[in-house]
Amino acid sequence: MKAKKLENLEYVKEYYGYNNEKAKSALDILNDEQISAIKIKLNKGGRDGRS
């Protein structure tokens, strides 16, 4: 799995509370715009970009 896809997988897992299998399935149906929206909602700021 590519690094970007792994990163997206982690975002989907955190956002939806999914395990690896469910998150992989979700990534297959989410488009780039939806994944970007998830990243924005989870990015809360802080010194290292996360809170």
N, C-alpha and C. Protein backbone atom coordinates (compact mmCIF):
# COMPACT_ATOMS: atom_id res chain seq x y z
N MET A 1 0.85 -1.18 0.00
CA MET A 1 0.00 0.00 0.00
C MET A 1 0.89 1.24 0.00
N LYS A 2 0.55 2.23 -0.81
CA LYS A 2 1.36 3.44 -0.90
C LYS A 2 1.21 4.29 0.36
N ALA A 3 2.22 5.11 0.61
CA ALA A 3 2.24 5.93 1.82
C ALA A 3 1.02 6.84 1.91
N LYS A 4 0.64 7.46 0.80
CA LYS A 4 -0.52 8.37 0.82
C LYS A 4 -1.80 7.60 1.13
N LYS A 5 -1.94 6.40 0.57
CA LYS A 5 -3.13 5.60 0.83
C LYS A 5 -3.16 5.15 2.29
N LEU A 6 -1.99 4.83 2.84
CA LEU A 6 -1.92 4.46 4.26
C LEU A 6 -2.31 5.64 5.15
N GLU A 7 -1.86 6.82 4.78
CA GLU A 7 -2.22 8.02 5.54
C GLU A 7 -3.73 8.24 5.48
N ASN A 8 -4.30 8.12 4.28
CA ASN A 8 -5.74 8.28 4.13
C ASN A 8 -6.50 7.23 4.92
N LEU A 9 -5.97 6.01 4.95
CA LEU A 9 -6.58 4.93 5.71
C LEU A 9 -6.66 5.30 7.19
N GLU A 10 -5.60 5.87 7.71
CA GLU A 10 -5.58 6.27 9.12
C GLU A 10 -6.60 7.37 9.40
N TYR A 11 -6.73 8.31 8.48
CA TYR A 11 -7.74 9.37 8.65
C TYR A 11 -9.15 8.78 8.67
N VAL A 12 -9.43 7.87 7.75
CA VAL A 12 -10.76 7.25 7.67
C VAL A 12 -11.03 6.44 8.94
N LYS A 13 -10.03 5.70 9.41
CA LYS A 13 -10.19 4.91 10.64
C LYS A 13 -10.53 5.82 11.82
N GLU A 14 -9.81 6.92 11.94
CA GLU A 14 -10.05 7.83 13.06
C GLU A 14 -11.40 8.52 12.94
N TYR A 15 -11.72 8.99 11.75
CA TYR A 15 -12.96 9.76 11.54
C TYR A 15 -14.21 8.91 11.77
N TYR A 16 -14.22 7.71 11.20
CA TYR A 16 -15.40 6.86 11.29
C TYR A 16 -15.33 5.83 12.41
N GLY A 17 -14.15 5.64 13.01
CA GLY A 17 -13.99 4.62 14.04
C GLY A 17 -13.96 3.22 13.45
N TYR A 18 -13.50 3.12 12.20
CA TYR A 18 -13.47 1.84 11.50
C TYR A 18 -12.18 1.07 11.78
N ASN A 19 -12.26 -0.26 11.59
CA ASN A 19 -11.05 -1.08 11.62
C ASN A 19 -10.42 -1.03 10.22
N ASN A 20 -9.29 -1.72 10.04
CA ASN A 20 -8.58 -1.66 8.76
C ASN A 20 -9.44 -2.11 7.58
N GLU A 21 -10.17 -3.20 7.74
CA GLU A 21 -10.96 -3.73 6.62
C GLU A 21 -12.08 -2.77 6.21
N LYS A 22 -12.80 -2.25 7.19
CA LYS A 22 -13.89 -1.32 6.88
C LYS A 22 -13.34 -0.03 6.28
N ALA A 23 -12.21 0.43 6.79
CA ALA A 23 -11.60 1.66 6.28
C ALA A 23 -11.15 1.48 4.83
N LYS A 24 -10.58 0.30 4.51
CA LYS A 24 -10.17 0.03 3.12
C LYS A 24 -11.38 0.06 2.20
N SER A 25 -12.48 -0.52 2.63
CA SER A 25 -13.71 -0.50 1.83
C SER A 25 -14.21 0.93 1.64
N ALA A 26 -14.14 1.72 2.71
CA ALA A 26 -14.59 3.10 2.62
C ALA A 26 -13.72 3.90 1.66
N LEU A 27 -12.42 3.66 1.67
CA LEU A 27 -11.52 4.37 0.76
C LEU A 27 -11.86 4.09 -0.70
N ASP A 28 -12.36 2.91 -0.97
CA ASP A 28 -12.73 2.55 -2.35
C ASP A 28 -13.90 3.38 -2.87
N ILE A 29 -14.75 3.87 -1.96
CA ILE A 29 -15.92 4.61 -2.42
C ILE A 29 -15.84 6.11 -2.15
N LEU A 30 -14.91 6.54 -1.30
CA LEU A 30 -14.74 7.97 -1.04
C LEU A 30 -13.91 8.60 -2.16
N ASN A 31 -14.29 9.81 -2.58
CA ASN A 31 -13.48 10.49 -3.58
C ASN A 31 -12.47 11.41 -2.89
N ASP A 32 -11.57 12.00 -3.66
CA ASP A 32 -10.51 12.84 -3.09
C ASP A 32 -11.06 14.02 -2.31
N GLU A 33 -12.15 14.60 -2.80
CA GLU A 33 -12.75 15.74 -2.12
C GLU A 33 -13.27 15.34 -0.74
N GLN A 34 -13.88 14.18 -0.65
CA GLN A 34 -14.41 13.70 0.63
C GLN A 34 -13.27 13.39 1.60
N ILE A 35 -12.20 12.80 1.11
CA ILE A 35 -11.04 12.50 1.96
C ILE A 35 -10.41 13.79 2.46
N SER A 36 -10.32 14.80 1.58
CA SER A 36 -9.78 16.10 1.99
C SER A 36 -10.63 16.72 3.09
N ALA A 37 -11.95 16.61 2.97
CA ALA A 37 -12.85 17.15 3.99
C ALA A 37 -12.63 16.46 5.33
N ILE A 38 -12.42 15.16 5.30
CA ILE A 38 -12.14 14.40 6.53
C ILE A 38 -10.85 14.90 7.16
N LYS A 39 -9.81 15.09 6.35
CA LYS A 39 -8.52 15.57 6.86
C LYS A 39 -8.68 16.94 7.51
N ILE A 40 -9.44 17.83 6.88
CA ILE A 40 -9.65 19.17 7.42
C ILE A 40 -10.39 19.10 8.75
N LYS A 41 -11.40 18.27 8.83
CA LYS A 41 -12.18 18.16 10.08
C LYS A 41 -11.35 17.58 11.21
N LEU A 42 -10.41 16.68 10.89
CA LEU A 42 -9.59 16.06 11.94
C LEU A 42 -8.38 16.90 12.31
N ASN A 43 -7.99 17.84 11.45
CA ASN A 43 -6.82 18.67 11.72
C ASN A 43 -7.23 19.79 12.67
N LYS A 44 -6.83 19.66 13.92
CA LYS A 44 -7.26 20.59 14.95
C LYS A 44 -6.19 21.61 15.30
N GLY A 45 -5.08 21.61 14.61
CA GLY A 45 -4.01 22.55 14.91
C GLY A 45 -3.07 22.02 15.96
N GLY A 46 -2.31 22.92 16.56
CA GLY A 46 -1.32 22.51 17.55
C GLY A 46 0.07 22.63 16.96
N ARG A 47 1.07 22.44 17.79
CA ARG A 47 2.44 22.64 17.36
C ARG A 47 2.85 21.74 16.22
N ASP A 48 2.43 20.48 16.25
CA ASP A 48 2.83 19.54 15.21
C ASP A 48 1.72 19.29 14.20
N GLY A 49 0.74 20.19 14.14
CA GLY A 49 -0.35 20.04 13.19
C GLY A 49 -1.52 19.25 13.72
N ARG A 50 -1.35 18.64 14.87
CA ARG A 50 -2.42 17.86 15.51
C ARG A 50 -2.56 18.37 16.93
N SER A 51 -3.70 18.17 17.53
CA SER A 51 -3.84 18.63 18.92
C SER A 51 -3.60 17.49 19.88
